[in-house]
Amino acid sequence: MARRSLLLRVLGWALVALVLAGVFGMYTDPEFMRVMADQVWACF
């Protein structure tokens, strides 16, 4: 049971790392940054 818990914890952290890497990848795209800035500016 402890081994399964450890496996789930490791898989969870791996998923979090993958999502964060994907978000970082989007922020390196200049077009995405421009769209995000336009959306934020539209709130004001």
Foldseek 3Di string as FASTA:
>chain_A
DVVVVVVVVVVVVVVVVVVVVVVVVQVVDPVSVVVVVVVVVVVD
